[in-house]
Amino acid sequence: MAVSTTIDFDKLPKAQDSFILFEKLGEGTYGEVFRAKFRDSSECVAAKIIRVRNEEDLNEFENELHILTKVSKQAENLPDFIGIFGDCDAFHAQRIWFVMELCSIGPISRLFKEIGKENEL
C-alpha cells in the first residue's frame, strides 16, 4: 500500500466500531457512498468508502481530505465533515471512510449546483 505523509492509517478509529452501514446511495471513481448510522445514536450520516490501492488513490484521498477539512463548517449550507475512519474489506485491503452529514438533497455535486443557482438570482 502507498504511504501517506498526512495520515497514519493504523491509528484511524475503526469504522465498524462507530457505524452501522445501510443502503448504497451512489458511487464515483474512487468509492461508494452509503447511508450509515452512529452505533450510539439515531443520527444518520453519509459514508464514502474508498479503497487505497496505489499512489494515485492516495493522492486523491489526501486532496479530498484537504478540501473537506478546509471548507467544513465554513458555510452553513454545506454538510459538515465529521471525520475519517478505517477498516478492511473482505480481501483485507485498507479502506478509508469519509463521514459527512447526510445531505437530504442528494449528492454534494447537486448541492453545489443548487447553491450556484441561488447565487445567480
PDB file of N, CA and C in Angstrom:
ATOM      1  N   MET A   1       0.836  -1.187   0.000  1.00  0.00           N
ATOM      2  CA  MET A   1       0.000   0.000   0.000  1.00  0.00           C
ATOM      3  C   MET A   1       0.873   1.240   0.000  1.00  0.00           C
ATOM      4  N   ALA A   2       0.408   2.283  -0.651  1.00  0.00           N
ATOM      5  CA  ALA A   2       1.124   3.557  -0.677  1.00  0.00           C
ATOM      6  C   ALA A   2       1.175   4.140   0.734  1.00  0.00           C
ATOM      7  N   VAL A   3       2.195   4.944   0.998  1.00  0.00           N
ATOM      8  CA  VAL A   3       2.389   5.514   2.330  1.00  0.00           C
ATOM      9  C   VAL A   3       1.975   6.979   2.328  1.00  0.00           C
ATOM     10  N   SER A   4       1.118   7.336   3.275  1.00  0.00           N
ATOM     11  CA  SER A   4       0.643   8.708   3.401  1.00  0.00           C
ATOM     12  C   SER A   4       1.550   9.493   4.333  1.00  0.00           C
ATOM     13  N   THR A   5       1.808  10.746   3.966  1.00  0.00           N
ATOM     14  CA  THR A   5       2.543  11.638   4.861  1.00  0.00           C
ATOM     15  C   THR A   5       1.570  12.413   5.745  1.00  0.00           C
ATOM     16  N   THR A   6       0.272  12.293   5.463  1.00  0.00           N
ATOM     17  CA  THR A   6      -0.758  13.031   6.182  1.00  0.00           C
ATOM     18  C   THR A   6      -1.426  12.204   7.274  1.00  0.00           C
ATOM     19  N   ILE A   7      -1.681  10.934   7.000  1.00  0.00           N
ATOM     20  CA  ILE A   7      -2.488  10.090   7.878  1.00  0.00           C
ATOM     21  C   ILE A   7      -1.755   8.798   8.212  1.00  0.00           C
ATOM     22  N   ASP A   8      -1.819   8.400   9.475  1.00  0.00           N
ATOM     23  CA  ASP A   8      -1.336   7.086   9.894  1.00  0.00           C
ATOM     24  C   ASP A   8      -2.551   6.160   9.886  1.00  0.00           C
ATOM     25  N   PHE A   9      -2.692   5.354   8.841  1.00  0.00           N
ATOM     26  CA  PHE A   9      -3.870   4.515   8.669  1.00  0.00           C
ATOM     27  C   PHE A   9      -4.099   3.580   9.852  1.00  0.00           C
ATOM     28  N   ASP A  10      -3.031   3.110  10.475  1.00  0.00           N
ATOM     29  CA  ASP A  10      -3.166   2.187  11.601  1.00  0.00           C
ATOM     30  C   ASP A  10      -3.777   2.843  12.835  1.00  0.00           C
ATOM     31  N   LYS A  11      -3.748   4.166  12.898  1.00  0.00           N
ATOM     32  CA  LYS A  11      -4.276   4.872  14.071  1.00  0.00           C
ATOM     33  C   LYS A  11      -5.676   5.448  13.859  1.00  0.00           C
ATOM     34  N   LEU A  12      -6.250   5.203  12.690  1.00  0.00           N
ATOM     35  CA  LEU A  12      -7.610   5.693  12.439  1.00  0.00           C
ATOM     36  C   LEU A  12      -8.607   4.938  13.316  1.00  0.00           C
ATOM     37  N   PRO A  13      -9.655   5.630  13.804  1.00  0.00           N
ATOM     38  CA  PRO A  13     -10.711   4.911  14.516  1.00  0.00           C
ATOM     39  C   PRO A  13     -11.339   3.879  13.583  1.00  0.00           C
ATOM     40  N   LYS A  14     -11.726   2.743  14.121  1.00  0.00           N
ATOM     41  CA  LYS A  14     -12.307   1.666  13.318  1.00  0.00           C
ATOM     42  C   LYS A  14     -13.761   1.980  12.976  1.00  0.00           C
ATOM     43  N   ALA A  15     -14.064   1.998  11.690  1.00  0.00           N
ATOM     44  CA  ALA A  15     -15.402   2.362  11.215  1.00  0.00           C
ATOM     45  C   ALA A  15     -16.474   1.449  11.792  1.00  0.00           C
ATOM     46  N   GLN A  16     -16.222   0.150  11.812  1.00  0.00           N
ATOM     47  CA  GLN A  16     -17.241  -0.793  12.266  1.00  0.00           C
ATOM     48  C   GLN A  16     -17.538  -0.654  13.756  1.00  0.00           C
ATOM     49  N   ASP A  17     -16.643  -0.033  14.526  1.00  0.00           N
ATOM     50  CA  ASP A  17     -16.905   0.217  15.945  1.00  0.00           C
ATOM     51  C   ASP A  17     -17.833   1.411  16.141  1.00  0.00           C
ATOM     52  N   SER A  18     -17.909   2.291  15.152  1.00  0.00           N
ATOM     53  CA  SER A  18     -18.664   3.538  15.284  1.00  0.00           C
ATOM     54  C   SER A  18     -19.959   3.588  14.481  1.00  0.00           C
ATOM     55  N   PHE A  19     -20.058   2.801  13.397  1.00  0.00           N
ATOM     56  CA  PHE A  19     -21.179   2.958  12.464  1.00  0.00           C
ATOM     57  C   PHE A  19     -21.815   1.636  12.073  1.00  0.00           C
ATOM     58  N   ILE A  20     -23.103   1.719  11.730  1.00  0.00           N
ATOM     59  CA  ILE A  20     -23.835   0.632  11.087  1.00  0.00           C
ATOM     60  C   ILE A  20     -24.087   1.099   9.658  1.00  0.00           C
ATOM     61  N   LEU A  21     -23.715   0.277   8.695  1.00  0.00           N
ATOM     62  CA  LEU A  21     -23.835   0.634   7.284  1.00  0.00           C
ATOM     63  C   LEU A  21     -25.193   0.203   6.743  1.00  0.00           C
ATOM     64  N   PHE A  22     -25.837   1.095   5.971  1.00  0.00           N
ATOM     65  CA  PHE A  22     -27.123   0.797   5.358  1.00  0.00           C
ATOM     66  C   PHE A  22     -26.986   0.807   3.838  1.00  0.00           C
ATOM     67  N   GLU A  23     -27.988   1.293   3.141  1.00  0.00           N
ATOM     68  CA  GLU A  23     -28.031   1.181   1.685  1.00  0.00           C
ATOM     69  C   GLU A  23     -27.008   2.077   0.987  1.00  0.00           C
ATOM     70  N   LYS A  24     -26.642   1.619  -0.205  1.00  0.00           N
ATOM     71  CA  LYS A  24     -25.740   2.385  -1.064  1.00  0.00           C
ATOM     72  C   LYS A  24     -26.518   3.535  -1.685  1.00  0.00           C
ATOM     73  N   LEU A  25     -25.944   4.742  -1.593  1.00  0.00           N
ATOM     74  CA  LEU A  25     -26.581   5.935  -2.147  1.00  0.00           C
ATOM     75  C   LEU A  25     -26.044   6.288  -3.529  1.00  0.00           C
ATOM     76  N   GLY A  26     -24.813   5.882  -3.820  1.00  0.00           N
ATOM     77  CA  GLY A  26     -24.206   6.199  -5.106  1.00  0.00           C
ATOM     78  C   GLY A  26     -22.767   5.749  -5.144  1.00  0.00           C
ATOM     79  N   GLU A  27     -22.111   6.019  -6.276  1.00  0.00           N
ATOM     80  CA  GLU A  27     -20.697   5.672  -6.394  1.00  0.00           C
ATOM     81  C   GLU A  27     -20.015   6.607  -7.371  1.00  0.00           C
ATOM     82  N   GLY A  28     -18.705   6.676  -7.240  1.00  0.00           N
ATOM     83  CA  GLY A  28     -17.903   7.511  -8.112  1.00  0.00           C
ATOM     84  C   GLY A  28     -16.632   6.789  -8.499  1.00  0.00           C
ATOM     85  N   THR A  29     -15.687   7.527  -9.018  1.00  0.00           N
ATOM     86  CA  THR A  29     -14.434   6.948  -9.487  1.00  0.00           C
ATOM     87  C   THR A  29     -13.663   6.272  -8.362  1.00  0.00           C
ATOM     88  N   TYR A  30     -13.642   6.894  -7.196  1.00  0.00           N
ATOM     89  CA  TYR A  30     -12.790   6.401  -6.116  1.00  0.00           C
ATOM     90  C   TYR A  30     -13.531   5.736  -4.974  1.00  0.00           C
ATOM     91  N   GLY A  31     -14.836   5.604  -5.048  1.00  0.00           N
ATOM     92  CA  GLY A  31     -15.515   4.959  -3.938  1.00  0.00           C
ATOM     93  C   GLY A  31     -17.023   4.941  -4.066  1.00  0.00           C
ATOM     94  N   GLU A  32     -17.639   4.311  -3.074  1.00  0.00           N
ATOM     95  CA  GLU A  32     -19.085   4.207  -2.990  1.00  0.00           C
ATOM     96  C   GLU A  32     -19.555   4.991  -1.773  1.00  0.00           C
ATOM     97  N   VAL A  33     -20.774   5.531  -1.865  1.00  0.00           N
ATOM     98  CA  VAL A  33     -21.342   6.304  -0.761  1.00  0.00           C
ATOM     99  C   VAL A  33     -22.542   5.542  -0.205  1.00  0.00           C
ATOM    100  N   PHE A  34     -22.554   5.410   1.117  1.00  0.00           N
ATOM    101  CA  PHE A  34     -23.610   4.687   1.813  1.00  0.00           C
ATOM    102  C   PHE A  34     -24.253   5.573   2.869  1.00  0.00           C
ATOM    103  N   ARG A  35     -25.501   5.265   3.183  1.00  0.00           N
ATOM    104  CA  ARG A  35     -26.117   5.844   4.372  1.00  0.00           C
ATOM    105  C   ARG A  35     -25.661   4.985   5.537  1.00  0.00           C
ATOM    106  N   ALA A  36     -25.248   5.626   6.603  1.00  0.00           N
ATOM    107  CA  ALA A  36     -24.784   4.916   7.793  1.00  0.00           C
ATOM    108  C   ALA A  36     -25.375   5.594   9.020  1.00  0.00           C
ATOM    109  N   LYS A  37     -25.284   4.918  10.160  1.00  0.00           N
ATOM    110  CA  LYS A  37     -25.809   5.456  11.406  1.00  0.00           C
ATOM    111  C   LYS A  37     -24.781   5.238  12.504  1.00  0.00           C
ATOM    112  N   PHE A  38     -24.622   6.257  13.343  1.00  0.00           N
ATOM    113  CA  PHE A  38     -23.776   6.079  14.516  1.00  0.00           C
ATOM    114  C   PHE A  38     -24.344   4.941  15.358  1.00  0.00           C
ATOM    115  N   ARG A  39     -23.486   4.079  15.878  1.00  0.00           N
ATOM    116  CA  ARG A  39     -23.939   2.968  16.716  1.00  0.00           C
ATOM    117  C   ARG A  39     -24.577   3.453  18.019  1.00  0.00           C
ATOM    118  N   ASP A  40     -24.120   4.585  18.531  1.00  0.00           N
ATOM    119  CA  ASP A  40     -24.597   5.046  19.837  1.00  0.00           C
ATOM    120  C   ASP A  40     -25.662   6.142  19.759  1.00  0.00           C
ATOM    121  N   SER A  41     -26.227   6.380  18.578  1.00  0.00           N
ATOM    122  CA  SER A  41     -27.297   7.372  18.442  1.00  0.00           C
ATOM    123  C   SER A  41     -28.132   7.037  17.209  1.00  0.00           C
ATOM    124  N   SER A  42     -29.155   7.843  16.979  1.00  0.00           N
ATOM    125  CA  SER A  42     -30.000   7.616  15.804  1.00  0.00           C
ATOM    126  C   SER A  42     -29.581   8.486  14.623  1.00  0.00           C
ATOM    127  N   GLU A  43     -28.493   9.243  14.779  1.00  0.00           N
ATOM    128  CA  GLU A  43     -28.049  10.157  13.717  1.00  0.00           C
ATOM    129  C   GLU A  43     -27.520   9.391  12.507  1.00  0.00           C
ATOM    130  N   CYS A  44     -28.074   9.717  11.337  1.00  0.00           N
ATOM    131  CA  CYS A  44     -27.601   9.120  10.090  1.00  0.00           C
ATOM    132  C   CYS A  44     -26.599  10.053   9.420  1.00  0.00           C
ATOM    133  N   VAL A  45     -25.650   9.457   8.724  1.00  0.00           N
ATOM    134  CA  VAL A  45     -24.581  10.185   8.046  1.00  0.00           C
ATOM    135  C   VAL A  45     -24.373   9.580   6.667  1.00  0.00           C
ATOM    136  N   ALA A  46     -23.570  10.250   5.854  1.00  0.00           N
ATOM    137  CA  ALA A  46     -23.127   9.710   4.570  1.00  0.00           C
ATOM    138  C   ALA A  46     -21.694   9.236   4.750  1.00  0.00           C
ATOM    139  N   ALA A  47     -21.412   8.024   4.313  1.00  0.00           N
ATOM    140  CA  ALA A  47     -20.068   7.463   4.420  1.00  0.00           C
ATOM    141  C   ALA A  47     -19.563   7.102   3.028  1.00  0.00           C
ATOM    142  N   LYS A  48     -18.540   7.816   2.574  1.00  0.00           N
ATOM    143  CA  LYS A  48     -17.894   7.482   1.305  1.00  0.00           C
ATOM    144  C   LYS A  48     -16.741   6.547   1.640  1.00  0.00           C
ATOM    145  N   ILE A  49     -16.773   5.358   1.069  1.00  0.00           N
ATOM    146  CA  ILE A  49     -15.764   4.345   1.374  1.00  0.00           C
ATOM    147  C   ILE A  49     -14.871   4.173   0.157  1.00  0.00           C
ATOM    148  N   ILE A  50     -13.574   4.417   0.363  1.00  0.00           N
ATOM    149  CA  ILE A  50     -12.614   4.271  -0.735  1.00  0.00           C
ATOM    150  C   ILE A  50     -11.551   3.254  -0.354  1.00  0.00           C
ATOM    151  N   ARG A  51     -11.079   2.566  -1.347  1.00  0.00           N
ATOM    152  CA  ARG A  51     -10.001   1.593  -1.171  1.00  0.00           C
ATOM    153  C   ARG A  51      -8.731   2.228  -1.714  1.00  0.00           C
ATOM    154  N   VAL A  52      -7.721   2.329  -0.867  1.00  0.00           N
ATOM    155  CA  VAL A  52      -6.452   2.944  -1.279  1.00  0.00           C
ATOM    156  C   VAL A  52      -5.552   1.828  -1.804  1.00  0.00           C
ATOM    157  N   ARG A  53      -5.462   1.745  -3.142  1.00  0.00           N
ATOM    158  CA  ARG A  53      -4.716   0.662  -3.784  1.00  0.00           C
ATOM    159  C   ARG A  53      -3.341   1.082  -4.274  1.00  0.00           C
ATOM    160  N   ASN A  54      -3.181   2.384  -4.562  1.00  0.00           N
ATOM    161  CA  ASN A  54      -1.929   2.823  -5.173  1.00  0.00           C
ATOM    162  C   ASN A  54      -1.701   4.305  -4.870  1.00  0.00           C
ATOM    163  N   GLU A  55      -0.633   4.833  -5.415  1.00  0.00           N
ATOM    164  CA  GLU A  55      -0.256   6.233  -5.174  1.00  0.00           C
ATOM    165  C   GLU A  55      -1.319   7.210  -5.686  1.00  0.00           C
ATOM    166  N   GLU A  56      -1.934   6.905  -6.830  1.00  0.00           N
ATOM    167  CA  GLU A  56      -2.980   7.778  -7.374  1.00  0.00           C
ATOM    168  C   GLU A  56      -4.176   7.852  -6.421  1.00  0.00           C
ATOM    169  N   ASP A  57      -4.610   6.694  -5.906  1.00  0.00           N
ATOM    170  CA  ASP A  57      -5.709   6.673  -4.938  1.00  0.00           C
ATOM    171  C   ASP A  57      -5.340   7.470  -3.691  1.00  0.00           C
ATOM    172  N   LEU A  58      -4.118   7.306  -3.233  1.00  0.00           N
ATOM    173  CA  LEU A  58      -3.659   8.018  -2.041  1.00  0.00           C
ATOM    174  C   LEU A  58      -3.663   9.524  -2.267  1.00  0.00           C
ATOM    175  N   ASN A  59      -3.186   9.967  -3.428  1.00  0.00           N
ATOM    176  CA  ASN A  59      -3.194  11.402  -3.742  1.00  0.00           C
ATOM    177  C   ASN A  59      -4.618  11.948  -3.776  1.00  0.00           C
ATOM    178  N   GLU A  60      -5.532  11.202  -4.382  1.00  0.00           N
ATOM    179  CA  GLU A  60      -6.933  11.618  -4.439  1.00  0.00           C
ATOM    180  C   GLU A  60      -7.519  11.705  -3.029  1.00  0.00           C
ATOM    181  N   PHE A  61      -7.233  10.710  -2.211  1.00  0.00           N
ATOM    182  CA  PHE A  61      -7.698  10.697  -0.825  1.00  0.00           C
ATOM    183  C   PHE A  61      -7.185  11.919  -0.066  1.00  0.00           C
ATOM    184  N   GLU A  62      -5.896  12.198  -0.168  1.00  0.00           N
ATOM    185  CA  GLU A  62      -5.309  13.326   0.559  1.00  0.00           C
ATOM    186  C   GLU A  62      -5.850  14.664   0.053  1.00  0.00           C
ATOM    187  N   ASN A  63      -6.066  14.797  -1.260  1.00  0.00           N
ATOM    188  CA  ASN A  63      -6.656  16.029  -1.808  1.00  0.00           C
ATOM    189  C   ASN A  63      -8.076  16.236  -1.293  1.00  0.00           C
ATOM    190  N   GLU A  64      -8.864  15.170  -1.315  1.00  0.00           N
ATOM    191  CA  GLU A  64     -10.243  15.279  -0.840  1.00  0.00           C
ATOM    192  C   GLU A  64     -10.279  15.599   0.655  1.00  0.00           C
ATOM    193  N   LEU A  65      -9.413  14.974   1.421  1.00  0.00           N
ATOM    194  CA  LEU A  65      -9.340  15.254   2.858  1.00  0.00           C
ATOM    195  C   LEU A  65      -8.994  16.720   3.102  1.00  0.00           C
ATOM    196  N   HIS A  66      -8.039  17.238   2.355  1.00  0.00           N
ATOM    197  CA  HIS A  66      -7.634  18.644   2.499  1.00  0.00           C
ATOM    198  C   HIS A  66      -8.812  19.579   2.205  1.00  0.00           C
ATOM    199  N   ILE A  67      -9.534  19.311   1.118  1.00  0.00           N
ATOM    200  CA  ILE A  67     -10.671  20.157   0.741  1.00  0.00           C
ATOM    201  C   ILE A  67     -11.773  20.086   1.795  1.00  0.00           C
ATOM    202  N   LEU A  68     -12.112  18.871   2.222  1.00  0.00           N
ATOM    203  CA  LEU A  68     -13.195  18.718   3.196  1.00  0.00           C
ATOM    204  C   LEU A  68     -12.877  19.399   4.519  1.00  0.00           C
ATOM    205  N   THR A  69     -11.657  19.260   4.997  1.00  0.00           N
ATOM    206  CA  THR A  69     -11.307  19.896   6.269  1.00  0.00           C
ATOM    207  C   THR A  69     -11.241  21.411   6.128  1.00  0.00           C
ATOM    208  N   LYS A  70     -10.911  21.891   4.939  1.00  0.00           N
ATOM    209  CA  LYS A  70     -10.809  23.333   4.718  1.00  0.00           C
ATOM    210  C   LYS A  70     -12.186  23.997   4.648  1.00  0.00           C
ATOM    211  N   VAL A  71     -13.137  23.374   3.957  1.00  0.00           N
ATOM    212  CA  VAL A  71     -14.444  24.007   3.770  1.00  0.00           C
ATOM    213  C   VAL A  71     -15.468  23.638   4.842  1.00  0.00           C
ATOM    214  N   SER A  72     -15.207  22.574   5.595  1.00  0.00           N
ATOM    215  CA  SER A  72     -16.167  22.138   6.606  1.00  0.00           C
ATOM    216  C   SER A  72     -16.414  23.231   7.631  1.00  0.00           C
ATOM    217  N   LYS A  73     -17.675  23.427   7.926  1.00  0.00           N
ATOM    218  CA  LYS A  73     -18.139  24.388   8.929  1.00  0.00           C
ATOM    219  C   LYS A  73     -17.921  25.843   8.530  1.00  0.00           C
ATOM    220  N   GLN A  74     -17.448  26.105   7.304  1.00  0.00           N
ATOM    221  CA  GLN A  74     -17.246  27.487   6.867  1.00  0.00           C
ATOM    222  C   GLN A  74     -18.507  28.093   6.267  1.00  0.00           C
ATOM    223  N   ALA A  75     -19.407  27.263   5.807  1.00  0.00           N
ATOM    224  CA  ALA A  75     -20.640  27.772   5.205  1.00  0.00           C
ATOM    225  C   ALA A  75     -21.811  26.963   5.748  1.00  0.00           C
ATOM    226  N   GLU A  76     -22.852  27.650   6.150  1.00  0.00           N
ATOM    227  CA  GLU A  76     -23.979  26.955   6.762  1.00  0.00           C
ATOM    228  C   GLU A  76     -24.738  26.069   5.780  1.00  0.00           C
ATOM    229  N   ASN A  77     -24.591  26.283   4.481  1.00  0.00           N
ATOM    230  CA  ASN A  77     -25.321  25.482   3.503  1.00  0.00           C
ATOM    231  C   ASN A  77     -24.510  24.306   2.960  1.00  0.00           C
ATOM    232  N   LEU A  78     -23.370  24.010   3.564  1.00  0.00           N
ATOM    233  CA  LEU A  78     -22.583  22.832   3.189  1.00  0.00           C
ATOM    234  C   LEU A  78     -22.653  21.800   4.306  1.00  0.00           C
ATOM    235  N   PRO A  79     -22.701  20.511   3.961  1.00  0.00           N
ATOM    236  CA  PRO A  79     -22.735  19.489   5.006  1.00  0.00           C
ATOM    237  C   PRO A  79     -21.432  19.473   5.803  1.00  0.00           C
ATOM    238  N   ASP A  80     -21.546  19.177   7.099  1.00  0.00           N
ATOM    239  CA  ASP A  80     -20.368  19.102   7.961  1.00  0.00           C
ATOM    240  C   ASP A  80     -19.572  17.836   7.676  1.00  0.00           C
ATOM    241  N   PHE A  81     -18.258  17.977   7.642  1.00  0.00           N
ATOM    242  CA  PHE A  81     -17.354  16.835   7.544  1.00  0.00           C
ATOM    243  C   PHE A  81     -17.128  16.340   8.965  1.00  0.00           C
ATOM    244  N   ILE A  82     -17.455  15.084   9.234  1.00  0.00           N
ATOM    245  CA  ILE A  82     -17.353  14.531  10.581  1.00  0.00           C
ATOM    246  C   ILE A  82     -15.973  13.962  10.845  1.00  0.00           C
ATOM    247  N   GLY A  83     -15.403  13.246   9.873  1.00  0.00           N
ATOM    248  CA  GLY A  83     -14.069  12.703  10.073  1.00  0.00           C
ATOM    249  C   GLY A  83     -13.780  11.520   9.174  1.00  0.00           C
ATOM    250  N   ILE A  84     -12.602  10.933   9.374  1.00  0.00           N
ATOM    251  CA  ILE A  84     -12.210   9.745   8.613  1.00  0.00           C
ATOM    252  C   ILE A  84     -12.042   8.572   9.567  1.00  0.00           C
ATOM    253  N   PHE A  85     -12.373   7.408   9.048  1.00  0.00           N
ATOM    254  CA  PHE A  85     -12.315   6.175   9.807  1.00  0.00           C
ATOM    255  C   PHE A  85     -11.706   5.119   8.902  1.00  0.00           C
ATOM    256  N   GLY A  86     -11.243   4.019   9.463  1.00  0.00           N
ATOM    257  CA  GLY A  86     -10.622   2.977   8.662  1.00  0.00           C
ATOM    258  C   GLY A  86     -11.264   1.622   8.883  1.00  0.00           C
ATOM    259  N   ASP A  87     -11.104   0.743   7.916  1.00  0.00           N
ATOM    260  CA  ASP A  87     -11.463  -0.664   8.044  1.00  0.00           C
ATOM    261  C   ASP A  87     -10.798  -1.435   6.911  1.00  0.00           C
ATOM    262  N   CYS A  88     -11.079  -2.718   6.823  1.00  0.00           N
ATOM    263  CA  CYS A  88     -10.551  -3.564   5.749  1.00  0.00           C
ATOM    264  C   CYS A  88     -11.720  -4.254   5.065  1.00  0.00           C
ATOM    265  N   ASP A  89     -11.578  -4.494   3.752  1.00  0.00           N
ATOM    266  CA  ASP A  89     -12.625  -5.211   3.035  1.00  0.00           C
ATOM    267  C   ASP A  89     -12.428  -6.719   3.198  1.00  0.00           C
ATOM    268  N   ALA A  90     -13.231  -7.502   2.491  1.00  0.00           N
ATOM    269  CA  ALA A  90     -13.171  -8.962   2.605  1.00  0.00           C
ATOM    270  C   ALA A  90     -11.819  -9.527   2.184  1.00  0.00           C
ATOM    271  N   PHE A  91     -11.056  -8.758   1.398  1.00  0.00           N
ATOM    272  CA  PHE A  91      -9.742  -9.202   0.933  1.00  0.00           C
ATOM    273  C   PHE A  91      -8.618  -8.596   1.770  1.00  0.00           C
ATOM    274  N   HIS A  92      -8.983  -7.995   2.901  1.00  0.00           N
ATOM    275  CA  HIS A  92      -8.040  -7.368   3.842  1.00  0.00           C
ATOM    276  C   HIS A  92      -7.326  -6.159   3.253  1.00  0.00           C
ATOM    277  N   ALA A  93      -7.947  -5.536   2.266  1.00  0.00           N
ATOM    278  CA  ALA A  93      -7.396  -4.299   1.703  1.00  0.00           C
ATOM    279  C   ALA A  93      -7.860  -3.121   2.563  1.00  0.00           C
ATOM    280  N   GLN A  94      -6.952  -2.184   2.798  1.00  0.00           N
ATOM    281  CA  GLN A  94      -7.255  -0.998   3.613  1.00  0.00           C
ATOM    282  C   GLN A  94      -8.309  -0.134   2.928  1.00  0.00           C
ATOM    283  N   ARG A  95      -9.319   0.264   3.691  1.00  0.00           N
ATOM    284  CA  ARG A  95     -10.343   1.178   3.191  1.00  0.00           C
ATOM    285  C   ARG A  95     -10.448   2.367   4.137  1.00  0.00           C
ATOM    286  N   ILE A  96     -10.776   3.515   3.554  1.00  0.00           N
ATOM    287  CA  ILE A  96     -10.950   4.739   4.318  1.00  0.00           C
ATOM    288  C   ILE A  96     -12.397   5.187   4.166  1.00  0.00           C
ATOM    289  N   TRP A  97     -13.000   5.580   5.264  1.00  0.00           N
ATOM    290  CA  TRP A  97     -14.355   6.113   5.257  1.00  0.00           C
ATOM    291  C   TRP A  97     -14.282   7.620   5.470  1.00  0.00           C
ATOM    292  N   PHE A  98     -14.810   8.401   4.527  1.00  0.00           N
ATOM    293  CA  PHE A  98     -15.045   9.832   4.727  1.00  0.00           C
ATOM    294  C   PHE A  98     -16.478   9.927   5.243  1.00  0.00           C
ATOM    295  N   VAL A  99     -16.671  10.449   6.437  1.00  0.00           N
ATOM    296  CA  VAL A  99     -18.009  10.529   7.018  1.00  0.00           C
ATOM    297  C   VAL A  99     -18.436  11.991   7.084  1.00  0.00           C
ATOM    298  N   MET A 100     -19.618  12.257   6.526  1.00  0.00           N
ATOM    299  CA  MET A 100     -20.160  13.615   6.463  1.00  0.00           C
ATOM    300  C   MET A 100     -21.617  13.606   6.894  1.00  0.00           C
ATOM    301  N   GLU A 101     -22.087  14.786   7.227  1.00  0.00           N
ATOM    302  CA  GLU A 101     -23.505  14.971   7.492  1.00  0.00           C
ATOM    303  C   GLU A 101     -24.276  14.492   6.262  1.00  0.00           C
ATOM    304  N   LEU A 102     -25.357  13.769   6.480  1.00  0.00           N
ATOM    305  CA  LEU A 102     -26.170  13.271   5.376  1.00  0.00           C
ATOM    306  C   LEU A 102     -26.928  14.430   4.746  1.00  0.00           C
ATOM    307  N   CYS A 103     -26.772  14.588   3.453  1.00  0.00           N
ATOM    308  CA  CYS A 103     -27.371  15.701   2.708  1.00  0.00           C
ATOM    309  C   CYS A 103     -28.657  15.204   2.060  1.00  0.00           C
ATOM    310  N   SER A 104     -29.796  15.708   2.497  1.00  0.00           N
ATOM    311  CA  SER A 104     -31.078  15.194   2.015  1.00  0.00           C
ATOM    312  C   SER A 104     -31.357  15.524   0.551  1.00  0.00           C
ATOM    313  N   ILE A 105     -30.664  16.505  -0.005  1.00  0.00           N
ATOM    314  CA  ILE A 105     -30.882  16.887  -1.403  1.00  0.00           C
ATOM    315  C   ILE A 105     -30.236  15.884  -2.369  1.00  0.00           C
ATOM    316  N   GLY A 106     -29.334  15.049  -1.865  1.00  0.00           N
ATOM    317  CA  GLY A 106     -28.663  14.073  -2.711  1.00  0.00           C
ATOM    318  C   GLY A 106     -27.165  14.300  -2.724  1.00  0.00           C
ATOM    319  N   PRO A 107     -26.496  13.963  -3.818  1.00  0.00           N
ATOM    320  CA  PRO A 107     -25.041  14.104  -3.897  1.00  0.00           C
ATOM    321  C   PRO A 107     -24.599  15.548  -3.675  1.00  0.00           C
ATOM    322  N   ILE A 108     -23.427  15.704  -3.098  1.00  0.00           N
ATOM    323  CA  ILE A 108     -22.916  17.049  -2.815  1.00  0.00           C
ATOM    324  C   ILE A 108     -22.743  17.853  -4.099  1.00  0.00           C
ATOM    325  N   SER A 109     -22.489  17.186  -5.235  1.00  0.00           N
ATOM    326  CA  SER A 109     -22.377  17.906  -6.506  1.00  0.00           C
ATOM    327  C   SER A 109     -23.704  18.581  -6.857  1.00  0.00           C
ATOM    328  N   ARG A 110     -24.820  17.930  -6.559  1.00  0.00           N
ATOM    329  CA  ARG A 110     -26.132  18.537  -6.794  1.00  0.00           C
ATOM    330  C   ARG A 110     -26.332  19.728  -5.861  1.00  0.00           C
ATOM    331  N   LEU A 111     -25.870  19.611  -4.615  1.00  0.00           N
ATOM    332  CA  LEU A 111     -25.969  20.723  -3.670  1.00  0.00           C
ATOM    333  C   LEU A 111     -25.213  21.935  -4.193  1.00  0.00           C
ATOM    334  N   PHE A 112     -23.989  21.727  -4.699  1.00  0.00           N
ATOM    335  CA  PHE A 112     -23.207  22.840  -5.242  1.00  0.00           C
ATOM    336  C   PHE A 112     -23.929  23.492  -6.425  1.00  0.00           C
ATOM    337  N   LYS A 113     -24.579  22.689  -7.276  1.00  0.00           N
ATOM    338  CA  LYS A 113     -25.336  23.246  -8.403  1.00  0.00           C
ATOM    339  C   LYS A 113     -26.496  24.095  -7.903  1.00  0.00           C
ATOM    340  N   GLU A 114     -27.207  23.606  -6.871  1.00  0.00           N
ATOM    341  CA  GLU A 114     -28.333  24.354  -6.312  1.00  0.00           C
ATOM    342  C   GLU A 114     -27.860  25.661  -5.689  1.00  0.00           C
ATOM    343  N   ILE A 115     -26.739  25.631  -4.987  1.00  0.00           N
ATOM    344  CA  ILE A 115     -26.185  26.847  -4.387  1.00  0.00           C
ATOM    345  C   ILE A 115     -25.833  27.841  -5.484  1.00  0.00           C
ATOM    346  N   GLY A 116     -25.251  27.352  -6.575  1.00  0.00           N
ATOM    347  CA  GLY A 116     -24.898  28.211  -7.702  1.00  0.00           C
ATOM    348  C   GLY A 116     -26.117  28.878  -8.307  1.00  0.00           C
ATOM    349  N   LYS A 117     -27.226  28.138  -8.423  1.00  0.00           N
ATOM    350  CA  LYS A 117     -28.468  28.705  -8.963  1.00  0.00           C
ATOM    351  C   LYS A 117     -28.994  29.806  -8.054  1.00  0.00           C
ATOM    352  N   GLU A 118     -28.926  29.583  -6.732  1.00  0.00           N
ATOM    353  CA  GLU A 118     -29.388  30.601  -5.783  1.00  0.00           C
ATOM    354  C   GLU A 118     -28.553  31.867  -5.895  1.00  0.00           C
ATOM    355  N   ASN A 119     -27.264  31.714  -6.102  1.00  0.00           N
ATOM    356  CA  ASN A 119     -26.373  32.871  -6.195  1.00  0.00           C
ATOM    357  C   ASN A 119     -26.601  33.672  -7.475  1.00  0.00           C
ATOM    358  N   GLU A 120     -27.186  33.032  -8.503  1.00  0.00           N
ATOM    359  CA  GLU A 120     -27.461  33.724  -9.763  1.00  0.00           C
ATOM    360  C   GLU A 120     -28.692  34.617  -9.668  1.00  0.00           C
ATOM    361  N   LEU A 121     -29.559  34.360  -8.685  1.00  0.00           N
ATOM    362  CA  LEU A 121     -30.814  35.130  -8.555  1.00  0.00           C
ATOM    363  C   LEU A 121     -30.578  36.539  -8.106  1.00  0.00           C
TER     364      LEU A 121
END
